[in-house]
N, C-alpha and C. Protein backbone atom coordinates (compact mmCIF):
# COMPACT_ATOMS: atom_id res chain seq x y z
N MET A 1 0.97 -1.03 -0.01
CA MET A 1 -0.23 0.01 0.20
C MET A 1 0.91 1.17 0.13
N ALA A 2 1.99 1.22 0.64
CA ALA A 2 2.81 2.28 1.09
C ALA A 2 3.24 2.64 -0.43
N VAL A 3 4.12 1.37 -1.31
CA VAL A 3 4.42 1.85 -2.20
C VAL A 3 3.79 2.50 -3.44
N VAL A 4 2.21 1.58 -3.59
CA VAL A 4 1.47 2.19 -4.34
C VAL A 4 1.18 3.71 -4.19
N GLN A 5 1.06 4.06 -2.82
CA GLN A 5 0.74 5.35 -2.61
C GLN A 5 1.58 6.45 -3.03
N GLU A 6 3.21 6.01 -3.25
CA GLU A 6 4.23 6.82 -3.27
C GLU A 6 4.19 6.86 -4.85
N LEU A 7 4.06 5.78 -5.70
CA LEU A 7 4.13 5.97 -7.05
C LEU A 7 2.79 7.15 -7.54
N ARG A 8 1.71 6.73 -6.84
CA ARG A 8 0.85 7.68 -7.15
C ARG A 8 0.82 9.09 -7.17
N LYS A 9 1.89 9.43 -5.71
CA LYS A 9 2.10 10.72 -5.33
C LYS A 9 3.23 11.35 -6.47
N LEU A 10 4.19 10.31 -6.83
CA LEU A 10 4.85 10.79 -8.13
C LEU A 10 4.88 10.66 -9.63
N GLY A 11 3.23 10.49 -9.55
CA GLY A 11 2.79 10.21 -10.64
C GLY A 11 3.29 9.31 -11.71
N LEU A 12 3.80 7.98 -11.27
CA LEU A 12 4.79 7.10 -11.94
C LEU A 12 3.28 6.09 -12.36
N ARG A 13 3.09 5.40 -13.64
CA ARG A 13 2.25 4.54 -14.08
C ARG A 13 2.77 2.87 -13.75
N TYR A 14 2.75 2.38 -13.02
CA TYR A 14 2.56 0.86 -13.34
C TYR A 14 1.62 -0.72 -13.22
N ASN A 15 2.12 -1.47 -13.49
CA ASN A 15 1.19 -2.09 -14.16
C ASN A 15 0.87 -3.34 -12.94
N THR A 16 2.04 -3.88 -12.25
CA THR A 16 1.41 -4.01 -11.12
C THR A 16 2.47 -4.16 -9.67
N VAL A 17 1.88 -4.00 -8.57
CA VAL A 17 3.15 -4.19 -7.30
C VAL A 17 2.58 -5.32 -6.54
N ASP A 18 3.22 -6.19 -6.40
CA ASP A 18 3.60 -7.47 -5.80
C ASP A 18 5.02 -7.39 -4.76
N LEU A 19 4.57 -8.39 -3.99
CA LEU A 19 5.47 -8.27 -2.56
C LEU A 19 6.86 -7.82 -3.04
N GLY A 20 7.71 -7.00 -2.93
CA GLY A 20 8.92 -6.52 -3.23
C GLY A 20 9.32 -6.09 -4.48
N ILE A 21 8.10 -6.03 -5.49
CA ILE A 21 8.08 -5.84 -7.03
C ILE A 21 7.13 -4.98 -7.45
N VAL A 22 7.69 -4.06 -8.54
CA VAL A 22 7.02 -3.18 -9.13
C VAL A 22 7.01 -2.99 -10.13
N ASP A 23 6.45 -3.57 -11.00
CA ASP A 23 6.16 -3.56 -12.61
C ASP A 23 5.86 -1.79 -13.33
N LEU A 24 6.87 -1.27 -13.97
CA LEU A 24 6.75 0.09 -14.01
C LEU A 24 6.17 -0.11 -15.53
N GLN A 25 5.05 0.92 -15.88
CA GLN A 25 4.87 0.86 -17.91
C GLN A 25 6.02 1.86 -18.18
N ASP A 26 6.71 3.05 -17.65
CA ASP A 26 7.81 3.76 -18.61
C ASP A 26 9.04 3.50 -17.58
N ASP A 27 10.17 3.80 -17.95
CA ASP A 27 11.18 3.82 -18.03
C ASP A 27 11.38 4.82 -16.97
N LEU A 28 12.34 4.89 -15.76
CA LEU A 28 12.40 6.17 -14.76
C LEU A 28 13.48 7.05 -15.45
N THR A 29 13.44 8.67 -15.05
CA THR A 29 14.01 9.30 -15.77
C THR A 29 15.05 9.40 -14.30
N LYS A 30 16.28 10.05 -14.04
CA LYS A 30 16.97 10.14 -13.22
C LYS A 30 16.87 10.87 -11.82
N GLU A 31 15.88 11.65 -12.36
CA GLU A 31 15.09 12.59 -11.42
C GLU A 31 13.79 11.85 -10.36
N GLN A 32 13.15 11.01 -11.42
CA GLN A 32 12.41 10.37 -10.86
C GLN A 32 12.99 9.09 -10.01
N ARG A 33 14.00 8.54 -10.49
CA ARG A 33 14.67 7.39 -9.41
C ARG A 33 14.85 7.52 -8.16
N ASN A 34 15.45 9.17 -8.50
CA ASN A 34 15.82 9.88 -7.02
C ASN A 34 15.14 9.57 -5.96
N ALA A 35 13.64 10.78 -6.78
CA ALA A 35 12.65 10.71 -5.97
C ALA A 35 11.73 9.79 -5.49
N LEU A 36 11.70 9.30 -6.04
CA LEU A 36 11.28 7.39 -5.79
C LEU A 36 12.25 6.59 -4.14
N LYS A 37 13.55 6.96 -4.55
CA LYS A 37 14.43 6.82 -3.72
C LYS A 37 14.20 7.13 -2.53
N GLN A 38 13.75 8.64 -2.30
CA GLN A 38 13.44 9.00 -0.97
C GLN A 38 12.21 9.19 -0.65
N ALA A 39 11.23 8.84 -1.51
CA ALA A 39 9.80 8.44 -1.17
C ALA A 39 9.77 6.95 -0.46
N LEU A 40 10.72 6.02 -0.69
CA LEU A 40 10.51 4.79 -0.30
C LEU A 40 11.40 4.58 1.19
N PHE A 41 12.43 5.50 1.33
CA PHE A 41 13.04 5.75 2.19
C PHE A 41 12.72 6.54 3.44
N SER A 42 11.96 7.35 3.09
CA SER A 42 10.64 7.88 4.40
C SER A 42 9.31 7.01 4.52
N THR A 43 9.29 5.79 3.91
CA THR A 43 8.83 4.70 4.66
C THR A 43 8.88 3.36 5.26
N GLU A 44 10.36 3.70 5.20
CA GLU A 44 11.36 2.86 5.73
C GLU A 44 11.69 1.75 4.67
N LEU A 45 11.21 1.87 3.63
CA LEU A 45 11.85 0.62 2.22
C LEU A 45 12.59 1.27 1.81
N GLU A 46 13.12 0.62 0.58
CA GLU A 46 14.21 0.82 -0.40
C GLU A 46 13.79 0.40 -1.59
N LEU A 47 14.69 1.04 -2.85
CA LEU A 47 14.67 0.83 -3.84
C LEU A 47 15.96 0.06 -4.46
N ILE A 48 15.67 -1.38 -5.07
CA ILE A 48 16.81 -2.22 -5.10
C ILE A 48 16.71 -2.44 -6.65
N GLU A 49 17.84 -2.05 -7.44
CA GLU A 49 18.64 -1.91 -8.65
C GLU A 49 19.06 -2.82 -9.31
N ASP A 50 19.84 -3.99 -8.77
CA ASP A 50 21.12 -4.58 -8.89
C ASP A 50 20.00 -5.48 -9.22
N LYS A 51 20.29 -6.29 -10.34
CA LYS A 51 19.64 -7.67 -10.93
C LYS A 51 19.62 -9.01 -10.12
N LYS A 52 21.05 -9.13 -9.46
CA LYS A 52 20.93 -10.31 -8.07
C LYS A 52 20.65 -9.71 -7.14
N ASP A 53 20.65 -8.56 -6.63
CA ASP A 53 19.70 -8.23 -5.37
C ASP A 53 18.33 -8.42 -5.05
N ILE A 54 17.93 -8.07 -6.68
CA ILE A 54 16.33 -8.32 -6.73
C ILE A 54 16.24 -9.77 -6.66
N VAL A 55 16.78 -10.55 -7.30
CA VAL A 55 16.59 -11.81 -7.20
C VAL A 55 16.68 -12.62 -5.60
N VAL A 56 18.05 -12.07 -5.16
CA VAL A 56 17.68 -12.26 -3.61
C VAL A 56 16.39 -12.39 -2.71
N GLU A 57 15.99 -10.61 -3.07
CA GLU A 57 14.96 -10.61 -2.42
C GLU A 57 13.66 -11.31 -2.96
N GLN A 58 13.75 -11.20 -4.07
CA GLN A 58 12.48 -12.30 -4.59
C GLN A 58 12.48 -13.79 -4.19
N ILE A 59 13.72 -14.28 -3.56
CA ILE A 59 13.87 -15.47 -2.83
C ILE A 59 13.32 -15.43 -1.34
N ARG A 60 13.83 -14.43 -0.92
CA ARG A 60 13.22 -13.96 0.38
C ARG A 60 11.84 -13.89 0.50
N ASN A 61 11.58 -13.43 -0.52
CA ASN A 61 9.64 -12.78 -0.48
C ASN A 61 8.93 -14.43 -0.63
N ALA A 62 9.33 -15.19 -1.50
CA ALA A 62 8.84 -16.29 -1.63
C ALA A 62 9.09 -17.36 -0.66
N VAL A 63 10.02 -17.60 0.22
CA VAL A 63 10.06 -17.86 1.76
C VAL A 63 8.96 -17.47 2.52
N VAL A 64 9.12 -16.30 2.91
CA VAL A 64 8.25 -15.73 3.51
C VAL A 64 6.50 -16.17 3.35
N GLU A 65 6.57 -16.00 1.70
CA GLU A 65 5.24 -16.01 1.46
C GLU A 65 4.72 -17.58 1.75
N VAL A 66 5.57 -18.53 1.85
CA VAL A 66 5.41 -19.93 1.59
C VAL A 66 4.99 -20.13 3.28
N ILE A 67 5.96 -19.77 3.86
CA ILE A 67 5.83 -20.13 5.18
C ILE A 67 4.97 -19.37 6.37
N HIS A 68 4.85 -18.24 5.97
CA HIS A 68 3.81 -17.33 6.66
C HIS A 68 2.40 -17.53 6.86
N ASP A 69 2.28 -17.79 5.35
CA ASP A 69 0.85 -17.95 4.93
C ASP A 69 0.39 -19.57 4.81
N LEU A 70 0.22 -19.91 5.37
CA LEU A 70 -0.40 -21.71 5.72
C LEU A 70 -1.29 -21.60 4.85
N GLU A 71 -2.15 -21.24 3.78
CA GLU A 71 -3.24 -21.30 3.16
C GLU A 71 -2.31 -21.89 1.86
N ASN A 72 -1.23 -20.94 2.09
CA ASN A 72 -0.16 -21.35 0.43
C ASN A 72 0.47 -22.29 0.82
N LYS A 73 0.15 -23.51 0.40
CA LYS A 73 0.82 -24.91 0.40
C LYS A 73 1.42 -25.11 -0.99
N ILE A 74 2.80 -25.64 -0.93
CA ILE A 74 3.55 -26.07 -2.21
C ILE A 74 3.56 -27.88 -2.11
N GLU A 75 3.72 -28.26 -3.19
CA GLU A 75 3.02 -29.52 -3.46
C GLU A 75 4.27 -30.38 -3.46
N VAL A 76 5.23 -29.79 -4.24
CA VAL A 76 6.74 -30.04 -4.67
C VAL A 76 7.95 -29.30 -3.56
N PRO A 77 9.05 -29.78 -4.12
CA PRO A 77 10.41 -29.73 -3.00
C PRO A 77 10.59 -27.90 -3.15
N PHE A 78 10.96 -27.36 -2.31
CA PHE A 78 11.07 -25.76 -2.34
C PHE A 78 11.96 -25.31 -3.39
N SER A 79 12.91 -26.30 -3.55
CA SER A 79 14.23 -26.16 -4.56
C SER A 79 13.16 -25.64 -6.11
N THR A 80 11.98 -26.65 -6.26
CA THR A 80 11.55 -26.94 -7.70
C THR A 80 10.75 -25.59 -7.50
N PHE A 81 10.14 -25.49 -6.52
CA PHE A 81 9.20 -24.41 -6.11
C PHE A 81 10.06 -23.23 -6.32
N LEU A 82 11.39 -22.77 -6.52
CA LEU A 82 11.82 -21.81 -6.41
C LEU A 82 12.16 -21.41 -8.06
N SER A 83 12.74 -22.69 -8.53
CA SER A 83 13.08 -22.37 -10.00
C SER A 83 12.18 -22.21 -10.81
N ASN A 84 11.08 -22.73 -10.61
CA ASN A 84 9.94 -22.68 -11.57
C ASN A 84 9.31 -21.08 -11.03
N LYS A 85 9.32 -20.58 -9.91
CA LYS A 85 8.53 -19.31 -9.78
C LYS A 85 9.39 -18.08 -9.96
N LEU A 86 11.07 -18.30 -10.15
CA LEU A 86 12.05 -17.58 -10.94
C LEU A 86 12.61 -17.80 -12.17
N LYS A 87 12.03 -18.97 -12.44
CA LYS A 87 12.74 -19.18 -13.80
C LYS A 87 14.05 -19.28 -13.82
N LEU A 88 14.84 -19.72 -12.79
CA LEU A 88 16.30 -19.99 -12.91
C LEU A 88 16.53 -20.87 -12.25
N ASN A 89 17.85 -21.09 -12.47
CA ASN A 89 18.45 -22.35 -12.22
C ASN A 89 18.29 -23.03 -10.36
N TYR A 90 18.26 -23.71 -9.56
CA TYR A 90 18.79 -23.46 -8.07
C TYR A 90 19.75 -23.47 -7.69
N THR A 91 20.63 -24.27 -8.37
CA THR A 91 22.29 -24.08 -8.07
C THR A 91 22.52 -22.82 -8.48
N TYR A 92 22.11 -22.09 -9.05
CA TYR A 92 22.52 -20.39 -9.42
C TYR A 92 22.00 -19.53 -8.27
N LEU A 93 20.54 -20.10 -7.86
CA LEU A 93 19.68 -19.47 -6.70
C LEU A 93 20.55 -19.29 -5.85
N SER A 94 20.49 -20.64 -5.13
CA SER A 94 21.39 -21.26 -4.01
C SER A 94 22.86 -20.08 -3.74
N ASN A 95 23.85 -20.33 -4.99
CA ASN A 95 24.73 -19.49 -4.70
C ASN A 95 24.70 -18.02 -4.74
N LEU A 96 23.64 -17.62 -5.00
CA LEU A 96 23.65 -16.16 -5.09
C LEU A 96 22.97 -15.71 -3.35
N PHE A 97 22.37 -16.50 -3.51
CA PHE A 97 21.49 -16.32 -2.36
C PHE A 97 22.68 -16.36 -0.82
N LYS A 98 23.75 -17.55 -1.18
CA LYS A 98 24.88 -17.47 -0.18
C LYS A 98 25.76 -16.79 -0.23
N LYS A 99 26.08 -16.19 -1.31
CA LYS A 99 27.00 -14.95 -1.05
C LYS A 99 26.23 -13.66 -0.81
N SER A 100 25.08 -13.76 -1.06
CA SER A 100 24.44 -12.33 -0.56
C SER A 100 24.59 -12.65 0.70
N GLU A 101 23.84 -13.31 1.30
CA GLU A 101 22.78 -13.33 2.43
C GLU A 101 24.05 -14.03 3.63
N GLY A 102 24.92 -14.82 3.10
CA GLY A 102 25.94 -15.37 4.21
C GLY A 102 25.49 -16.62 5.09
N ILE A 103 24.18 -16.73 4.25
CA ILE A 103 23.76 -18.34 5.09
C ILE A 103 22.89 -18.99 3.50
N THR A 104 22.48 -20.43 3.95
CA THR A 104 22.02 -21.35 2.56
C THR A 104 20.68 -20.96 2.55
N ILE A 105 19.82 -20.70 1.35
CA ILE A 105 18.21 -21.22 1.61
C ILE A 105 17.64 -21.71 2.69
N ALA A 106 18.54 -23.07 2.64
CA ALA A 106 17.70 -23.83 3.43
C ALA A 106 18.11 -23.53 5.23
N GLN A 107 19.06 -22.91 5.30
CA GLN A 107 18.99 -22.12 6.85
C GLN A 107 18.17 -21.09 6.81
N PHE A 108 18.21 -20.42 5.97
CA PHE A 108 16.83 -18.93 5.80
C PHE A 108 15.23 -19.65 6.05
N ILE A 109 15.43 -20.98 5.38
CA ILE A 109 13.86 -21.73 5.48
C ILE A 109 13.64 -21.72 7.14
N ILE A 110 14.74 -22.50 7.50
CA ILE A 110 14.34 -22.88 8.72
C ILE A 110 14.24 -22.04 10.06
N LYS A 111 15.09 -20.84 9.49
CA LYS A 111 15.22 -19.40 10.50
C LYS A 111 13.42 -18.88 10.49
N ASN A 112 13.17 -19.01 9.11
CA ASN A 112 11.56 -18.52 8.98
C ASN A 112 10.26 -19.41 9.62
N LYS A 113 10.92 -20.45 9.29
CA LYS A 113 9.88 -21.88 9.97
C LYS A 113 9.78 -21.67 11.76
N ILE A 114 11.09 -21.44 12.40
CA ILE A 114 11.31 -21.31 13.48
C ILE A 114 10.46 -19.72 14.26
N GLU A 115 10.71 -19.15 13.54
CA GLU A 115 9.80 -17.97 13.61
C GLU A 115 8.36 -17.71 13.54
N ARG A 116 7.90 -18.81 12.34
CA ARG A 116 6.41 -18.58 12.42
C ARG A 116 5.87 -20.12 13.79
N VAL A 117 6.95 -20.66 13.75
CA VAL A 117 6.40 -21.70 15.01
C VAL A 117 6.57 -20.86 16.25
N LYS A 118 7.30 -20.16 16.71
CA LYS A 118 6.95 -19.13 17.84
C LYS A 118 5.52 -18.37 17.79
N GLU A 119 5.13 -17.54 16.26
CA GLU A 119 3.94 -17.16 16.01
C GLU A 119 2.51 -18.19 16.50
N LEU A 120 2.70 -19.02 15.77
CA LEU A 120 1.57 -20.48 16.20
C LEU A 120 1.56 -20.51 17.82
N ILE A 121 2.62 -20.35 18.15
CA ILE A 121 2.87 -20.48 19.80
C ILE A 121 2.21 -19.95 20.40
N GLN A 122 2.54 -18.10 20.45
CA GLN A 122 1.81 -17.66 20.72
C GLN A 122 0.59 -17.03 20.36
N TYR A 123 -0.25 -17.63 19.23
CA TYR A 123 -1.29 -17.47 19.00
C TYR A 123 -2.42 -18.65 19.79
N ASN A 124 -1.60 -19.38 20.25
CA ASN A 124 -2.64 -20.85 21.36
C ASN A 124 -3.56 -21.59 20.38
N GLU A 125 -3.78 -21.39 19.15
CA GLU A 125 -4.30 -22.01 18.67
C GLU A 125 -4.72 -23.40 17.95
N LEU A 126 -2.92 -23.76 17.36
CA LEU A 126 -2.73 -24.92 17.37
C LEU A 126 -1.73 -26.07 18.43
N SER A 127 -2.18 -27.25 18.56
CA SER A 127 -0.87 -28.25 19.29
C SER A 127 0.31 -27.96 18.33
N PHE A 128 1.26 -28.75 19.19
CA PHE A 128 2.62 -28.63 18.44
C PHE A 128 2.39 -30.05 17.41
N SER A 129 1.83 -30.72 17.39
CA SER A 129 1.38 -31.80 16.33
C SER A 129 0.73 -31.25 14.93
N GLU A 130 -0.06 -30.16 15.58
CA GLU A 130 -0.80 -29.44 14.18
C GLU A 130 0.04 -28.29 13.81
N ILE A 131 0.91 -27.77 14.45
CA ILE A 131 2.26 -27.23 13.81
C ILE A 131 3.00 -27.73 13.24
N ALA A 132 3.60 -28.78 13.52
CA ALA A 132 4.37 -29.40 12.83
C ALA A 132 4.13 -30.01 11.50
N PHE A 133 2.88 -30.49 11.40
CA PHE A 133 2.33 -30.40 10.38
C PHE A 133 1.98 -29.59 9.32
N GLU A 134 1.56 -28.56 10.01
CA GLU A 134 1.14 -27.52 8.92
C GLU A 134 2.79 -26.98 8.62
N LEU A 135 3.60 -26.91 8.76
CA LEU A 135 4.67 -26.68 8.41
C LEU A 135 5.84 -27.92 7.90
N HIS A 136 5.41 -29.01 7.28
CA HIS A 136 5.68 -29.96 6.60
C HIS A 136 7.06 -30.49 7.66
N TYR A 137 7.01 -30.79 8.78
CA TYR A 137 7.95 -31.53 9.78
C TYR A 137 7.79 -32.55 9.34
N SER A 138 8.43 -33.60 9.30
CA SER A 138 8.48 -35.15 9.33
C SER A 138 7.56 -35.50 10.72
N SER A 139 8.04 -34.92 11.93
CA SER A 139 7.43 -35.31 13.12
C SER A 139 7.43 -34.18 14.13
N ILE A 140 6.80 -34.45 15.41
CA ILE A 140 6.95 -33.11 16.18
C ILE A 140 8.47 -33.05 16.81
N ALA A 141 8.89 -34.62 17.22
CA ALA A 141 10.53 -34.43 17.51
C ALA A 141 11.26 -33.62 16.60
N HIS A 142 11.42 -33.90 15.22
CA HIS A 142 12.09 -33.23 14.16
C HIS A 142 11.56 -31.79 14.70
N LEU A 143 10.70 -31.67 14.69
CA LEU A 143 10.34 -29.73 15.40
C LEU A 143 10.90 -29.42 16.22
N SER A 144 10.82 -30.11 17.16
CA SER A 144 11.46 -29.96 18.81
C SER A 144 13.03 -29.69 18.76
N ASN A 145 13.72 -30.89 17.92
CA ASN A 145 14.86 -30.73 17.91
C ASN A 145 15.47 -29.64 17.08
N GLN A 146 14.91 -28.86 15.73
CA GLN A 146 15.33 -27.84 15.40
C GLN A 146 14.75 -26.54 16.10
N PHE A 147 13.72 -26.99 16.44
CA PHE A 147 13.30 -25.41 17.58
C PHE A 147 14.64 -25.22 18.74
N LYS A 148 14.87 -25.99 19.59
CA LYS A 148 15.83 -26.09 20.66
C LYS A 148 17.20 -25.59 19.96
N LYS A 149 17.25 -26.24 18.72
CA LYS A 149 18.80 -25.89 17.65
C LYS A 149 19.29 -24.75 17.94
N ILE A 150 17.89 -23.82 17.54
CA ILE A 150 17.80 -22.31 16.84
C ILE A 150 17.79 -21.52 18.35
N THR A 151 16.51 -21.69 19.15
CA THR A 151 16.22 -21.09 19.90
C THR A 151 16.97 -21.24 21.12
N GLY A 152 17.35 -22.59 21.77
CA GLY A 152 17.39 -22.57 22.98
C GLY A 152 16.76 -23.22 23.85
N TYR A 153 15.39 -23.27 23.11
CA TYR A 153 14.57 -23.63 24.06
C TYR A 153 13.64 -24.82 23.59
N THR A 154 13.04 -25.45 24.73
CA THR A 154 12.22 -26.49 24.12
C THR A 154 10.74 -25.78 23.50
N LEU A 155 9.98 -26.46 22.95
CA LEU A 155 8.51 -25.83 22.84
C LEU A 155 7.71 -25.92 23.92
N THR A 156 7.58 -26.40 24.76
CA THR A 156 7.18 -26.27 26.13
C THR A 156 7.67 -25.40 27.06
N PHE A 157 8.70 -25.20 27.31
CA PHE A 157 9.11 -24.24 27.51
C PHE A 157 9.05 -23.00 27.13
N TYR A 158 9.02 -22.62 25.75
CA TYR A 158 8.87 -21.51 25.25
C TYR A 158 7.52 -21.07 25.35
N LYS A 159 6.37 -22.16 25.19
CA LYS A 159 4.94 -21.76 25.42
C LYS A 159 4.74 -21.47 27.07
N THR A 160 5.05 -22.01 28.02
CA THR A 160 4.48 -22.00 29.51
C THR A 160 4.93 -21.12 29.77
N HIS A 161 6.05 -20.17 29.45
CA HIS A 161 6.98 -18.87 29.84
C HIS A 161 6.68 -17.82 29.04
N GLY A 162 5.60 -18.21 28.21
CA GLY A 162 5.48 -16.81 27.42
C GLY A 162 6.28 -16.16 26.88
N LEU A 163 7.21 -17.20 26.20
CA LEU A 163 8.15 -16.03 25.76
C LEU A 163 8.24 -15.36 24.60
N LYS A 164 8.26 -14.19 24.27
CA LYS A 164 7.88 -13.18 22.99
C LYS A 164 8.73 -13.70 22.23
N ARG A 165 8.31 -13.26 20.46
CA ARG A 165 9.45 -13.08 19.20
C ARG A 165 10.41 -12.54 19.38
N GLU A 166 11.65 -12.65 19.35
CA GLU A 166 12.38 -11.61 19.57
C GLU A 166 12.97 -11.30 17.96
N ILE A 167 12.56 -11.80 16.99
CA ILE A 167 12.78 -11.46 15.71
C ILE A 167 12.00 -10.68 14.98
N ASN A 168 12.16 -9.60 14.26
CA ASN A 168 11.23 -9.40 13.39
C ASN A 168 11.39 -9.98 11.79
N ILE A 169 10.76 -10.55 11.35
CA ILE A 169 11.01 -11.41 9.58
C ILE A 169 11.56 -10.46 8.96
N GLU A 170 11.35 -9.39 8.78
CA GLU A 170 12.34 -8.54 7.69
C GLU A 170 13.89 -8.33 8.41
N ASN A 171 14.19 -8.83 9.46
CA ASN A 171 15.30 -8.84 9.78
C ASN A 171 16.28 -10.39 9.76
N LEU A 172 15.65 -11.29 9.07
CA LEU A 172 15.61 -12.53 9.22
C LEU A 172 16.80 -12.41 8.19
């Protein structure tokens, strides 16, 4: 919404605005680009222009989209999903992401899953087994082991002590 609002203020025409991606109808002039950068900066957003950075952002967005929207189920391995979605070879995506972010896509997925687990625990609507199922863990034991490895807490300890999520997903 903030991006659409800024585009309209600047009189920039666009085809679509999707999570992290804007398809503009016209090329930006240098002045328009600078004005857009400033407008986005004022809303704590940024304009990403480097093609590799854009691909990394698309990977991040795809992971967040799948993990944080339980309705958005994928039926194929995540590597296949990403390759199909971005129309790029997974090895290329994996190497690019690792170089840019310093962690693998798999590690990024795990971090996001654990943040989602924390969120679902706080909602207190699903059992641990339901959370494990929703996030495609093979078992509660697998979820528990991964949760403890990342957070240092057991699922039960986290739930009973009412610990709060410590990381904003945008900072992962």
